[in-house]
Amino acid sequence: MKRVVKLSGGIAALVVAAGMFFSPATAATAADDPSIQSTPVRLYELGQVKWSRNTWGIFYDVNIYADRLTAGNWSGYAQDNTGRRLYFCDGYDLRPMNNYIKTMFISRTKASWCR
């Protein structure tokens, strides 16, 4: 019986250690995650934030009217309902714009069209 207790205590210690190693919270605070230390891309209508993302990716079905885009620390493009792309780089403030935004692309690294 004493052996079983020691073994289960050892297994418990391994489970706790593995949980700390694979913890999502630890991964989310990694220094190489650009979303941790950045300002989000935002779409506005009449001064109100209508859409905001602080992570890279392709976002389909945004489907909102926007009269302003602030790029935060990101680069990418917004595609409107005519298929036109509105390219942005970090720090951009696109206004006035009168577009129905269908999709957004936010680059993980600085986009090639940005200097």
Protein backbone atom coordinates (compact mmCIF):
# COMPACT_ATOMS: atom_id res chain seq x y z
CA MET A 1 0.00 0.00 0.00
CA LYS A 2 2.82 2.37 0.80
CA ARG A 3 4.29 1.85 -2.69
CA VAL A 4 1.01 2.80 -4.38
CA VAL A 5 0.88 6.07 -2.43
CA LYS A 6 4.42 6.94 -3.48
CA LEU A 7 3.71 6.04 -7.08
CA SER A 8 0.49 8.07 -7.24
CA GLY A 9 2.28 10.98 -5.54
CA GLY A 10 4.98 10.81 -8.20
CA ILE A 11 2.37 10.69 -10.96
CA ALA A 12 0.59 13.68 -9.43
CA ALA A 13 3.85 15.63 -9.39
CA LEU A 14 4.44 14.77 -13.06
CA VAL A 15 0.90 15.86 -13.98
CA VAL A 16 1.34 19.18 -12.17
CA ALA A 17 4.73 19.74 -13.82
CA ALA A 18 3.31 18.88 -17.26
CA GLY A 19 0.38 21.20 -16.68
CA MET A 20 2.75 24.07 -15.90
CA PHE A 21 4.83 23.29 -19.00
CA PHE A 22 1.88 23.08 -21.39
CA SER A 23 -0.22 25.79 -19.79
CA PRO A 24 -2.01 28.02 -22.36
CA ALA A 25 -1.48 31.03 -20.08
CA THR A 26 2.27 30.54 -20.29
CA ALA A 27 2.15 30.32 -24.07
CA ALA A 28 -0.05 33.43 -24.31
CA THR A 29 2.47 35.57 -22.46
CA ALA A 30 5.40 34.61 -24.67
CA ALA A 31 7.58 37.57 -25.62
CA ASP A 32 7.47 36.63 -29.33
CA ASP A 33 3.66 36.91 -29.54
CA PRO A 34 3.06 40.21 -31.43
CA SER A 35 -0.50 40.60 -30.13
CA ILE A 36 0.67 40.95 -26.50
CA GLN A 37 2.41 44.30 -26.96
CA SER A 38 0.37 45.85 -29.75
CA THR A 39 -2.55 48.10 -30.48
CA PRO A 40 -5.44 46.50 -32.40
CA VAL A 41 -6.67 47.22 -35.91
CA ARG A 42 -10.02 48.98 -35.55
CA LEU A 43 -12.88 49.87 -37.88
CA TYR A 44 -15.13 52.77 -36.87
CA GLU A 45 -18.51 54.09 -37.87
CA LEU A 46 -19.49 57.58 -36.68
CA GLY A 47 -16.77 57.55 -34.02
CA GLN A 48 -17.75 54.18 -32.53
CA VAL A 49 -15.53 51.08 -32.73
CA LYS A 50 -17.44 48.49 -34.77
CA TRP A 51 -14.70 45.88 -35.23
CA SER A 52 -11.36 45.31 -33.49
CA ARG A 53 -8.67 42.63 -33.71
CA ASN A 54 -5.32 42.37 -31.99
CA THR A 55 -4.05 39.27 -33.75
CA TRP A 56 -2.91 38.30 -37.24
CA GLY A 57 -4.96 36.34 -39.72
CA ILE A 58 -7.54 36.50 -42.47
CA PHE A 59 -10.94 37.50 -41.14
CA TYR A 60 -13.82 36.71 -43.47
CA ASP A 61 -17.33 38.05 -43.07
CA VAL A 62 -16.45 41.29 -41.36
CA ASN A 63 -19.42 42.79 -43.23
CA ILE A 64 -19.67 46.25 -41.73
CA TYR A 65 -19.75 49.79 -43.04
CA ALA A 66 -16.72 51.80 -41.89
CA ASP A 67 -15.77 55.44 -42.21
CA ARG A 68 -12.37 55.07 -40.52
CA LEU A 69 -9.65 52.42 -40.04
CA THR A 70 -6.83 52.68 -37.51
CA ALA A 71 -4.02 50.19 -38.07
CA GLY A 72 -2.54 50.16 -34.57
CA ASN A 73 0.76 48.28 -34.75
CA TRP A 74 -0.35 46.07 -37.66
CA SER A 75 -0.19 46.01 -41.44
CA GLY A 76 -2.55 44.35 -43.89
CA TYR A 77 -5.56 45.25 -45.98
CA ALA A 78 -9.30 45.62 -45.79
CA GLN A 79 -11.27 44.40 -48.79
CA ASP A 80 -14.54 46.14 -49.57
CA ASN A 81 -17.68 44.87 -51.29
CA THR A 82 -16.35 45.91 -54.74
CA GLY A 83 -13.22 43.77 -54.29
CA ARG A 84 -10.95 46.79 -53.82
CA ARG A 85 -8.21 46.42 -51.22
CA LEU A 86 -7.34 49.25 -48.83
CA TYR A 87 -3.73 48.62 -47.78
CA PHE A 88 -2.50 49.83 -44.41
CA CYS A 89 0.72 49.83 -42.42
CA ASP A 90 1.32 50.25 -38.70
CA GLY A 91 0.33 53.68 -37.50
CA TYR A 92 -2.01 54.41 -40.43
CA ASP A 93 -5.28 56.23 -39.81
CA LEU A 94 -7.43 55.91 -42.93
CA ARG A 95 -10.19 58.49 -42.95
CA PRO A 96 -12.48 59.55 -44.28
CA MET A 97 -13.37 56.31 -45.98
CA ASN A 98 -16.81 55.17 -46.98
CA ASN A 99 -16.55 51.47 -47.49
CA TYR A 100 -18.53 48.35 -46.74
CA ILE A 101 -15.72 46.09 -45.50
CA LYS A 102 -16.18 42.41 -46.37
CA THR A 103 -12.88 40.90 -45.22
CA MET A 104 -9.69 41.88 -43.40
CA PHE A 105 -6.17 40.54 -43.70
CA ILE A 106 -3.79 41.33 -40.85
CA SER A 107 -0.18 40.33 -41.51
CA ARG A 108 1.85 38.48 -38.91
CA THR A 109 4.96 40.38 -40.00
CA LYS A 110 5.37 43.81 -41.57
CA ALA A 111 3.67 43.63 -44.97
CA SER A 112 5.83 43.89 -48.10
CA TRP A 113 4.20 47.20 -49.12
CA CYS A 114 5.21 48.85 -45.83
CA ARG A 115 8.65 50.39 -45.30
